[in-house]
Amino acid sequence: MKKSNLFAIDIAKNVFQVAHFSGKKLKSNKAMSRKRLKALLAESEPSRVAMESCGSASYWARLAQSYGHGVTLLSPRFVKAFRVGQKTDANDALAIATALDAPSARPCMVLSEELQALQALDRIRTILEKTKR
């Protein structure tokens, strides 16, 4: 039986926390730069990748999918319940991995560039309507 690999990634602006699991065993939980994360995704064999859904999560999900990885985005509200200890990047990455295996996990949709652009326009329109009053 082949062990499955999992990368649980806590997304940030410049430094990303990546927890790498082989089967259920934690192999590493390291901080990485954008450049190093791109290289890791490109060099790794196709694996499961899990991230919290946020503004840039769809970009990273599309990039991982282009390298053959299976990607799951989870709601930050859902992941929060699985965090143990203080809110740190390392604990967040572990919480993402734990939340992924929960039976009640409902993944978020990976948005295409076009859908993200439409979503941004809709949100801008909503803000403009609120400020117009």
Protein backbone atom coordinates (compact mmCIF):
# COMPACT_ATOMS: atom_id res chain seq x y z
CA MET A 1 0.00 0.00 0.00
CA LYS A 2 1.40 3.38 -1.04
CA LYS A 3 1.57 6.08 1.62
CA SER A 4 -0.15 9.29 0.66
CA ASN A 5 1.64 12.60 1.02
CA LEU A 6 -0.08 15.68 2.36
CA PHE A 7 1.08 19.28 2.37
CA ALA A 8 -0.91 21.49 4.77
CA ILE A 9 -0.03 25.09 3.92
CA ASP A 10 -0.73 28.17 6.03
CA ILE A 11 -0.70 31.05 3.54
CA ALA A 12 0.80 34.44 4.35
CA LYS A 13 2.24 37.37 2.40
CA ASN A 14 5.89 36.35 2.21
CA VAL A 15 6.54 33.36 4.45
CA PHE A 16 4.39 30.22 4.23
CA GLN A 17 4.23 27.48 6.85
CA VAL A 18 4.23 24.02 5.25
CA ALA A 19 3.49 20.89 7.27
CA HIS A 20 4.47 17.78 5.28
CA PHE A 21 2.87 14.47 6.23
CA SER A 22 3.68 11.00 4.93
CA GLY A 23 0.65 8.91 5.76
CA LYS A 24 -0.32 10.11 9.24
CA LYS A 25 3.26 10.89 10.27
CA LEU A 26 4.52 14.49 10.37
CA LYS A 27 7.78 14.70 8.41
CA SER A 28 8.36 18.46 8.70
CA ASN A 29 6.68 21.72 9.62
CA LYS A 30 8.81 24.51 8.15
CA ALA A 31 8.49 28.12 7.08
CA MET A 32 9.19 28.75 3.38
CA SER A 33 9.48 31.69 1.05
CA ARG A 34 7.28 32.06 -2.02
CA LYS A 35 10.12 30.93 -4.26
CA ARG A 36 10.83 27.85 -2.17
CA LEU A 37 7.14 26.89 -1.99
CA LYS A 38 6.85 27.08 -5.79
CA ALA A 39 9.94 24.87 -6.10
CA LEU A 40 8.56 22.39 -3.54
CA LEU A 41 5.27 22.06 -5.41
CA ALA A 42 7.09 21.63 -8.72
CA GLU A 43 9.56 19.03 -7.42
CA SER A 44 7.18 16.93 -5.31
CA GLU A 45 5.31 13.92 -6.60
CA PRO A 46 1.55 14.47 -6.92
CA SER A 47 0.16 14.78 -3.39
CA ARG A 48 -2.78 16.18 -1.46
CA VAL A 49 -2.49 19.89 -0.71
CA ALA A 50 -4.72 21.57 1.87
CA MET A 51 -4.99 25.30 2.58
CA GLU A 52 -7.30 27.75 4.30
CA SER A 53 -9.44 29.62 1.83
CA CYS A 54 -8.40 33.27 1.49
CA GLY A 55 -7.75 35.89 -1.17
CA SER A 56 -4.64 34.25 -2.58
CA ALA A 57 -5.58 30.62 -1.91
CA SER A 58 -7.09 30.12 -5.36
CA TYR A 59 -3.86 31.28 -7.01
CA TRP A 60 -1.81 28.79 -4.99
CA ALA A 61 -4.42 26.07 -5.55
CA ARG A 62 -4.31 26.59 -9.33
CA LEU A 63 -0.50 26.49 -9.23
CA ALA A 64 -0.50 23.23 -7.23
CA GLN A 65 -3.10 21.71 -9.57
CA SER A 66 -0.92 22.60 -12.56
CA TYR A 67 1.79 20.37 -11.04
CA GLY A 68 -0.67 17.49 -10.61
CA HIS A 69 -1.51 17.90 -6.92
CA GLY A 70 -5.02 17.42 -5.55
CA VAL A 71 -6.05 20.60 -3.74
CA THR A 72 -8.60 21.16 -0.98
CA LEU A 73 -9.48 24.60 0.35
CA LEU A 74 -11.07 24.78 3.80
CA SER A 75 -12.92 27.64 5.48
CA PRO A 76 -10.80 29.43 8.13
CA ARG A 77 -13.78 29.32 10.51
CA PHE A 78 -13.89 25.54 10.21
CA VAL A 79 -10.12 25.13 10.67
CA LYS A 80 -10.08 27.35 13.77
CA ALA A 81 -11.87 24.66 15.77
CA PHE A 82 -9.00 22.21 15.20
CA ARG A 83 -6.15 24.48 16.32
CA VAL A 84 -4.39 23.36 19.48
CA GLY A 85 -2.47 25.96 21.49
CA GLN A 86 -1.67 29.52 20.52
CA LYS A 87 -2.35 30.94 17.07
CA THR A 88 0.97 30.43 15.34
CA ASP A 89 1.71 29.60 11.73
CA ALA A 90 2.99 26.14 12.72
CA ASN A 91 -0.15 25.37 14.75
CA ASP A 92 -2.36 26.66 11.93
CA ALA A 93 -0.70 24.31 9.43
CA LEU A 94 -1.27 21.36 11.76
CA ALA A 95 -4.90 22.42 12.27
CA ILE A 96 -5.43 22.48 8.49
CA ALA A 97 -4.17 18.91 8.23
CA THR A 98 -6.38 17.77 11.11
CA ALA A 99 -9.46 19.56 9.76
CA LEU A 100 -9.01 17.97 6.33
CA ASP A 101 -9.71 14.50 7.75
CA ALA A 102 -12.79 15.56 9.72
CA PRO A 103 -15.98 13.90 8.46
CA SER A 104 -17.82 17.25 8.47
CA ALA A 105 -15.20 19.02 6.32
CA ARG A 106 -16.79 20.88 3.42
CA PRO A 107 -14.23 22.14 0.94
CA CYS A 108 -14.43 25.57 -0.68
CA MET A 109 -14.33 26.00 -4.44
CA VAL A 110 -11.05 26.83 -6.19
CA LEU A 111 -11.88 29.96 -8.17
CA SER A 112 -10.63 30.56 -11.69
CA GLU A 113 -9.05 33.91 -12.51
CA GLU A 114 -12.27 35.00 -14.20
CA LEU A 115 -14.42 34.12 -11.19
CA GLN A 116 -12.02 35.94 -8.87
CA ALA A 117 -12.25 39.05 -11.06
CA LEU A 118 -16.06 38.92 -11.03
CA GLN A 119 -16.06 38.43 -7.27
CA ALA A 120 -13.80 41.47 -6.84
CA LEU A 121 -16.07 43.61 -9.03
CA ASP A 122 -19.12 42.53 -7.06
CA ARG A 123 -17.47 43.37 -3.75
CA ILE A 124 -16.33 46.78 -5.04
CA ARG A 125 -19.87 47.50 -6.25
CA THR A 126 -21.26 46.57 -2.83
CA ILE A 127 -18.81 48.89 -1.05
CA LEU A 128 -19.60 51.75 -3.45
CA GLU A 129 -23.34 51.31 -2.87
CA LYS A 130 -22.85 51.42 0.90
CA THR A 131 -20.71 54.58 0.76
CA LYS A 132 -23.09 56.31 -1.69
CA ARG A 133 -25.89 56.48 0.89
